[in-house]
Amino acid sequence: MSGRGVWLRARARLRRFPAALAACGDQAAAYGRCVAAAAAGPAELRRDTCLEEFQALRECFARAVRLCPG
């Protein structure tokens, strides 16, 4: 049995990533700012520090992928 079909599906999903990222620029920027601010201080970055921003980005990606043809 060949894994070729798996790789073709994975490549198709990866091709949609730039469009999804472009559609979610505001959410990606907000998440990036949150992580940068949390990592810039003297305390170490902790899990779930930017959970709200991450969830907004994840939901946006999910919507964008559903809307992108492919």
PDB file of N, CA and C in Angstrom:
ATOM      1  N   MET A   1       0.839  -1.171   0.000  1.00  0.00           N
ATOM      2  CA  MET A   1       0.000   0.000   0.000  1.00  0.00           C
ATOM      3  C   MET A   1       0.893   1.247   0.000  1.00  0.00           C
ATOM      4  N   SER A   2       0.524   2.219  -0.796  1.00  0.00           N
ATOM      5  CA  SER A   2       1.330   3.419  -0.945  1.00  0.00           C
ATOM      6  C   SER A   2       0.804   4.557  -0.066  1.00  0.00           C
ATOM      7  N   GLY A   3       1.705   5.372   0.422  1.00  0.00           N
ATOM      8  CA  GLY A   3       1.331   6.538   1.203  1.00  0.00           C
ATOM      9  C   GLY A   3       1.209   7.780   0.353  1.00  0.00           C
ATOM     10  N   ARG A   4       1.218   7.595  -0.958  1.00  0.00           N
ATOM     11  CA  ARG A   4       1.175   8.740  -1.877  1.00  0.00           C
ATOM     12  C   ARG A   4      -0.058   9.610  -1.654  1.00  0.00           C
ATOM     13  N   GLY A   5      -1.208   9.007  -1.439  1.00  0.00           N
ATOM     14  CA  GLY A   5      -2.433   9.772  -1.222  1.00  0.00           C
ATOM     15  C   GLY A   5      -2.353  10.655   0.017  1.00  0.00           C
ATOM     16  N   VAL A   6      -1.705  10.157   1.044  1.00  0.00           N
ATOM     17  CA  VAL A   6      -1.546  10.932   2.272  1.00  0.00           C
ATOM     18  C   VAL A   6      -0.730  12.186   1.991  1.00  0.00           C
ATOM     19  N   TRP A   7       0.364  12.034   1.257  1.00  0.00           N
ATOM     20  CA  TRP A   7       1.213  13.186   0.945  1.00  0.00           C
ATOM     21  C   TRP A   7       0.516  14.173   0.035  1.00  0.00           C
ATOM     22  N   LEU A   8      -0.289  13.699  -0.889  1.00  0.00           N
ATOM     23  CA  LEU A   8      -1.021  14.611  -1.771  1.00  0.00           C
ATOM     24  C   LEU A   8      -2.026  15.440  -0.975  1.00  0.00           C
ATOM     25  N   ARG A   9      -2.711  14.801  -0.032  1.00  0.00           N
ATOM     26  CA  ARG A   9      -3.671  15.541   0.797  1.00  0.00           C
ATOM     27  C   ARG A   9      -2.946  16.540   1.696  1.00  0.00           C
ATOM     28  N   ALA A  10      -1.818  16.134   2.246  1.00  0.00           N
ATOM     29  CA  ALA A  10      -1.050  17.038   3.109  1.00  0.00           C
ATOM     30  C   ALA A  10      -0.557  18.246   2.316  1.00  0.00           C
ATOM     31  N   ARG A  11      -0.066  18.015   1.128  1.00  0.00           N
ATOM     32  CA  ARG A  11       0.397  19.136   0.285  1.00  0.00           C
ATOM     33  C   ARG A  11      -0.752  20.074  -0.065  1.00  0.00           C
ATOM     34  N   ALA A  12      -1.916  19.513  -0.335  1.00  0.00           N
ATOM     35  CA  ALA A  12      -3.074  20.347  -0.663  1.00  0.00           C
ATOM     36  C   ALA A  12      -3.437  21.240   0.530  1.00  0.00           C
ATOM     37  N   ARG A  13      -3.383  20.696   1.738  1.00  0.00           N
ATOM     38  CA  ARG A  13      -3.672  21.503   2.931  1.00  0.00           C
ATOM     39  C   ARG A  13      -2.619  22.586   3.118  1.00  0.00           C
ATOM     40  N   LEU A  14      -1.360  22.251   2.890  1.00  0.00           N
ATOM     41  CA  LEU A  14      -0.289  23.234   3.057  1.00  0.00           C
ATOM     42  C   LEU A  14      -0.382  24.362   2.028  1.00  0.00           C
ATOM     43  N   ARG A  15      -0.871  24.059   0.849  1.00  0.00           N
ATOM     44  CA  ARG A  15      -1.028  25.106  -0.175  1.00  0.00           C
ATOM     45  C   ARG A  15      -2.063  26.144   0.240  1.00  0.00           C
ATOM     46  N   ARG A  16      -3.017  25.752   1.078  1.00  0.00           N
ATOM     47  CA  ARG A  16      -4.047  26.694   1.528  1.00  0.00           C
ATOM     48  C   ARG A  16      -3.572  27.558   2.688  1.00  0.00           C
ATOM     49  N   PHE A  17      -2.462  27.200   3.302  1.00  0.00           N
ATOM     50  CA  PHE A  17      -1.989  27.914   4.487  1.00  0.00           C
ATOM     51  C   PHE A  17      -1.736  29.405   4.239  1.00  0.00           C
ATOM     52  N   PRO A  18      -1.059  29.816   3.172  1.00  0.00           N
ATOM     53  CA  PRO A  18      -0.817  31.257   2.973  1.00  0.00           C
ATOM     54  C   PRO A  18      -2.116  32.064   2.889  1.00  0.00           C
ATOM     55  N   ALA A  19      -3.131  31.526   2.234  1.00  0.00           N
ATOM     56  CA  ALA A  19      -4.406  32.246   2.149  1.00  0.00           C
ATOM     57  C   ALA A  19      -5.061  32.340   3.519  1.00  0.00           C
ATOM     58  N   ALA A  20      -4.984  31.268   4.301  1.00  0.00           N
ATOM     59  CA  ALA A  20      -5.568  31.285   5.641  1.00  0.00           C
ATOM     60  C   ALA A  20      -4.827  32.288   6.521  1.00  0.00           C
ATOM     61  N   LEU A  21      -3.511  32.320   6.417  1.00  0.00           N
ATOM     62  CA  LEU A  21      -2.723  33.264   7.206  1.00  0.00           C
ATOM     63  C   LEU A  21      -3.051  34.700   6.813  1.00  0.00           C
ATOM     64  N   ALA A  22      -3.206  34.951   5.531  1.00  0.00           N
ATOM     65  CA  ALA A  22      -3.543  36.297   5.066  1.00  0.00           C
ATOM     66  C   ALA A  22      -4.916  36.716   5.579  1.00  0.00           C
ATOM     67  N   ALA A  23      -5.842  35.774   5.652  1.00  0.00           N
ATOM     68  CA  ALA A  23      -7.189  36.080   6.118  1.00  0.00           C
ATOM     69  C   ALA A  23      -7.221  36.331   7.622  1.00  0.00           C
ATOM     70  N   CYS A  24      -6.208  35.872   8.328  1.00  0.00           N
ATOM     71  CA  CYS A  24      -6.188  35.960   9.799  1.00  0.00           C
ATOM     72  C   CYS A  24      -5.048  36.823  10.302  1.00  0.00           C
ATOM     73  N   GLY A  25      -4.671  37.803   9.537  1.00  0.00           N
ATOM     74  CA  GLY A  25      -3.542  38.649   9.897  1.00  0.00           C
ATOM     75  C   GLY A  25      -3.715  39.368  11.222  1.00  0.00           C
ATOM     76  N   ASP A  26      -4.901  39.881  11.484  1.00  0.00           N
ATOM     77  CA  ASP A  26      -5.121  40.607  12.738  1.00  0.00           C
ATOM     78  C   ASP A  26      -4.978  39.686  13.944  1.00  0.00           C
ATOM     79  N   GLN A  27      -5.549  38.489  13.845  1.00  0.00           N
ATOM     80  CA  GLN A  27      -5.468  37.532  14.952  1.00  0.00           C
ATOM     81  C   GLN A  27      -4.034  37.040  15.141  1.00  0.00           C
ATOM     82  N   ALA A  28      -3.322  36.806  14.032  1.00  0.00           N
ATOM     83  CA  ALA A  28      -1.932  36.358  14.119  1.00  0.00           C
ATOM     84  C   ALA A  28      -1.065  37.436  14.760  1.00  0.00           C
ATOM     85  N   ALA A  29      -1.306  38.692  14.402  1.00  0.00           N
ATOM     86  CA  ALA A  29      -0.537  39.794  14.979  1.00  0.00           C
ATOM     87  C   ALA A  29      -0.823  39.933  16.475  1.00  0.00           C
ATOM     88  N   ALA A  30      -2.078  39.796  16.861  1.00  0.00           N
ATOM     89  CA  ALA A  30      -2.440  39.903  18.279  1.00  0.00           C
ATOM     90  C   ALA A  30      -1.782  38.786  19.086  1.00  0.00           C
ATOM     91  N   TYR A  31      -1.789  37.583  18.552  1.00  0.00           N
ATOM     92  CA  TYR A  31      -1.157  36.461  19.243  1.00  0.00           C
ATOM     93  C   TYR A  31       0.355  36.677  19.338  1.00  0.00           C
ATOM     94  N   GLY A  32       0.956  37.129  18.256  1.00  0.00           N
ATOM     95  CA  GLY A  32       2.391  37.398  18.259  1.00  0.00           C
ATOM     96  C   GLY A  32       2.775  38.475  19.260  1.00  0.00           C
ATOM     97  N   ARG A  33       1.979  39.540  19.336  1.00  0.00           N
ATOM     98  CA  ARG A  33       2.249  40.599  20.315  1.00  0.00           C
ATOM     99  C   ARG A  33       2.150  40.063  21.742  1.00  0.00           C
ATOM    100  N   CYS A  34       1.143  39.226  21.987  1.00  0.00           N
ATOM    101  CA  CYS A  34       0.958  38.660  23.324  1.00  0.00           C
ATOM    102  C   CYS A  34       2.146  37.788  23.715  1.00  0.00           C
ATOM    103  N   VAL A  35       2.571  36.919  22.819  1.00  0.00           N
ATOM    104  CA  VAL A  35       3.699  36.031  23.110  1.00  0.00           C
ATOM    105  C   VAL A  35       4.978  36.849  23.300  1.00  0.00           C
ATOM    106  N   ALA A  36       5.190  37.837  22.444  1.00  0.00           N
ATOM    107  CA  ALA A  36       6.389  38.671  22.565  1.00  0.00           C
ATOM    108  C   ALA A  36       6.392  39.428  23.892  1.00  0.00           C
ATOM    109  N   ALA A  37       5.263  39.957  24.288  1.00  0.00           N
ATOM    110  CA  ALA A  37       5.184  40.694  25.550  1.00  0.00           C
ATOM    111  C   ALA A  37       5.406  39.765  26.738  1.00  0.00           C
ATOM    112  N   ALA A  38       4.843  38.566  26.661  1.00  0.00           N
ATOM    113  CA  ALA A  38       4.989  37.613  27.768  1.00  0.00           C
ATOM    114  C   ALA A  38       6.423  37.101  27.870  1.00  0.00           C
ATOM    115  N   ALA A  39       7.100  36.971  26.749  1.00  0.00           N
ATOM    116  CA  ALA A  39       8.466  36.443  26.751  1.00  0.00           C
ATOM    117  C   ALA A  39       9.504  37.527  27.035  1.00  0.00           C
ATOM    118  N   ALA A  40       9.126  38.784  26.927  1.00  0.00           N
ATOM    119  CA  ALA A  40      10.080  39.871  27.085  1.00  0.00           C
ATOM    120  C   ALA A  40      10.407  40.168  28.543  1.00  0.00           C
ATOM    121  N   GLY A  41       9.518  39.807  29.433  1.00  0.00           N
ATOM    122  CA  GLY A  41       9.736  40.114  30.849  1.00  0.00           C
ATOM    123  C   GLY A  41      10.725  39.163  31.489  1.00  0.00           C
ATOM    124  N   PRO A  42      11.006  39.408  32.754  1.00  0.00           N
ATOM    125  CA  PRO A  42      11.959  38.547  33.467  1.00  0.00           C
ATOM    126  C   PRO A  42      11.401  37.154  33.767  1.00  0.00           C
ATOM    127  N   ALA A  43      10.081  37.040  33.839  1.00  0.00           N
ATOM    128  CA  ALA A  43       9.473  35.728  34.115  1.00  0.00           C
ATOM    129  C   ALA A  43       9.478  34.888  32.840  1.00  0.00           C
ATOM    130  N   GLU A  44       9.472  33.579  33.006  1.00  0.00           N
ATOM    131  CA  GLU A  44       9.458  32.706  31.835  1.00  0.00           C
ATOM    132  C   GLU A  44       8.043  32.612  31.259  1.00  0.00           C
ATOM    133  N   LEU A  45       7.978  32.318  30.000  1.00  0.00           N
ATOM    134  CA  LEU A  45       6.708  32.178  29.301  1.00  0.00           C
ATOM    135  C   LEU A  45       5.989  30.939  29.825  1.00  0.00           C
ATOM    136  N   ARG A  46       4.741  31.093  30.188  1.00  0.00           N
ATOM    137  CA  ARG A  46       3.972  29.995  30.759  1.00  0.00           C
ATOM    138  C   ARG A  46       2.851  29.570  29.816  1.00  0.00           C
ATOM    139  N   ARG A  47       2.501  28.317  29.925  1.00  0.00           N
ATOM    140  CA  ARG A  47       1.421  27.757  29.117  1.00  0.00           C
ATOM    141  C   ARG A  47       0.126  28.523  29.392  1.00  0.00           C
ATOM    142  N   ASP A  48      -0.653  28.714  28.360  1.00  0.00           N
ATOM    143  CA  ASP A  48      -1.964  29.371  28.404  1.00  0.00           C
ATOM    144  C   ASP A  48      -1.902  30.859  28.726  1.00  0.00           C
ATOM    145  N   THR A  49      -0.717  31.463  28.671  1.00  0.00           N
ATOM    146  CA  THR A  49      -0.609  32.896  28.913  1.00  0.00           C
ATOM    147  C   THR A  49      -1.399  33.673  27.857  1.00  0.00           C
ATOM    148  N   CYS A  50      -1.337  33.222  26.620  1.00  0.00           N
ATOM    149  CA  CYS A  50      -2.010  33.907  25.510  1.00  0.00           C
ATOM    150  C   CYS A  50      -3.122  33.028  24.938  1.00  0.00           C
ATOM    151  N   LEU A  51      -3.797  32.319  25.798  1.00  0.00           N
ATOM    152  CA  LEU A  51      -4.804  31.360  25.350  1.00  0.00           C
ATOM    153  C   LEU A  51      -5.938  32.027  24.570  1.00  0.00           C
ATOM    154  N   GLU A  52      -6.411  33.156  25.034  1.00  0.00           N
ATOM    155  CA  GLU A  52      -7.513  33.838  24.352  1.00  0.00           C
ATOM    156  C   GLU A  52      -7.121  34.215  22.921  1.00  0.00           C
ATOM    157  N   GLU A  53      -5.935  34.766  22.757  1.00  0.00           N
ATOM    158  CA  GLU A  53      -5.459  35.158  21.429  1.00  0.00           C
ATOM    159  C   GLU A  53      -5.237  33.936  20.547  1.00  0.00           C
ATOM    160  N   PHE A  54      -4.702  32.865  21.139  1.00  0.00           N
ATOM    161  CA  PHE A  54      -4.472  31.642  20.375  1.00  0.00           C
ATOM    162  C   PHE A  54      -5.785  31.042  19.892  1.00  0.00           C
ATOM    163  N   GLN A  55      -6.784  31.015  20.759  1.00  0.00           N
ATOM    164  CA  GLN A  55      -8.078  30.457  20.356  1.00  0.00           C
ATOM    165  C   GLN A  55      -8.720  31.287  19.252  1.00  0.00           C
ATOM    166  N   ALA A  56      -8.588  32.602  19.315  1.00  0.00           N
ATOM    167  CA  ALA A  56      -9.118  33.458  18.255  1.00  0.00           C
ATOM    168  C   ALA A  56      -8.419  33.161  16.929  1.00  0.00           C
ATOM    169  N   LEU A  57      -7.097  32.978  16.968  1.00  0.00           N
ATOM    170  CA  LEU A  57      -6.343  32.658  15.763  1.00  0.00           C
ATOM    171  C   LEU A  57      -6.743  31.285  15.219  1.00  0.00           C
ATOM    172  N   ARG A  58      -6.873  30.326  16.100  1.00  0.00           N
ATOM    173  CA  ARG A  58      -7.252  28.968  15.684  1.00  0.00           C
ATOM    174  C   ARG A  58      -8.641  28.949  15.036  1.00  0.00           C
ATOM    175  N   GLU A  59      -9.586  29.663  15.619  1.00  0.00           N
ATOM    176  CA  GLU A  59     -10.936  29.734  15.049  1.00  0.00           C
ATOM    177  C   GLU A  59     -10.915  30.424  13.691  1.00  0.00           C
ATOM    178  N   CYS A  60     -10.116  31.470  13.568  1.00  0.00           N
ATOM    179  CA  CYS A  60     -10.003  32.163  12.288  1.00  0.00           C
ATOM    180  C   CYS A  60      -9.413  31.240  11.222  1.00  0.00           C
ATOM    181  N   PHE A  61      -8.359  30.503  11.569  1.00  0.00           N
ATOM    182  CA  PHE A  61      -7.782  29.548  10.628  1.00  0.00           C
ATOM    183  C   PHE A  61      -8.813  28.516  10.196  1.00  0.00           C
ATOM    184  N   ALA A  62      -9.577  28.003  11.131  1.00  0.00           N
ATOM    185  CA  ALA A  62     -10.592  26.997  10.801  1.00  0.00           C
ATOM    186  C   ALA A  62     -11.613  27.555   9.826  1.00  0.00           C
ATOM    187  N   ARG A  63     -12.057  28.795  10.071  1.00  0.00           N
ATOM    188  CA  ARG A  63     -13.023  29.425   9.143  1.00  0.00           C
ATOM    189  C   ARG A  63     -12.387  29.645   7.774  1.00  0.00           C
ATOM    190  N   ALA A  64     -11.154  30.152   7.765  1.00  0.00           N
ATOM    191  CA  ALA A  64     -10.486  30.458   6.506  1.00  0.00           C
ATOM    192  C   ALA A  64     -10.249  29.200   5.673  1.00  0.00           C
ATOM    193  N   VAL A  65      -9.871  28.109   6.314  1.00  0.00           N
ATOM    194  CA  VAL A  65      -9.618  26.859   5.587  1.00  0.00           C
ATOM    195  C   VAL A  65     -10.900  26.325   4.981  1.00  0.00           C
ATOM    196  N   ARG A  66     -12.009  26.455   5.704  1.00  0.00           N
ATOM    197  CA  ARG A  66     -13.300  26.010   5.151  1.00  0.00           C
ATOM    198  C   ARG A  66     -13.691  26.838   3.935  1.00  0.00           C
ATOM    199  N   LEU A  67     -13.313  28.105   3.914  1.00  0.00           N
ATOM    200  CA  LEU A  67     -13.695  28.996   2.815  1.00  0.00           C
ATOM    201  C   LEU A  67     -12.756  28.915   1.623  1.00  0.00           C
ATOM    202  N   CYS A  68     -11.524  28.480   1.853  1.00  0.00           N
ATOM    203  CA  CYS A  68     -10.535  28.403   0.775  1.00  0.00           C
ATOM    204  C   CYS A  68     -10.830  27.195  -0.109  1.00  0.00           C
ATOM    205  N   PRO A  69     -10.820  27.393  -1.419  1.00  0.00           N
ATOM    206  CA  PRO A  69     -11.015  26.237  -2.310  1.00  0.00           C
ATOM    207  C   PRO A  69      -9.797  25.326  -2.262  1.00  0.00           C
ATOM    208  N   GLY A  70     -10.026  24.098  -2.513  1.00  0.00           N
ATOM    209  CA  GLY A  70      -8.882  23.210  -2.547  1.00  0.00           C
ATOM    210  C   GLY A  70      -9.277  21.863  -2.124  1.00  0.00           C
TER     211      GLY A  70
END
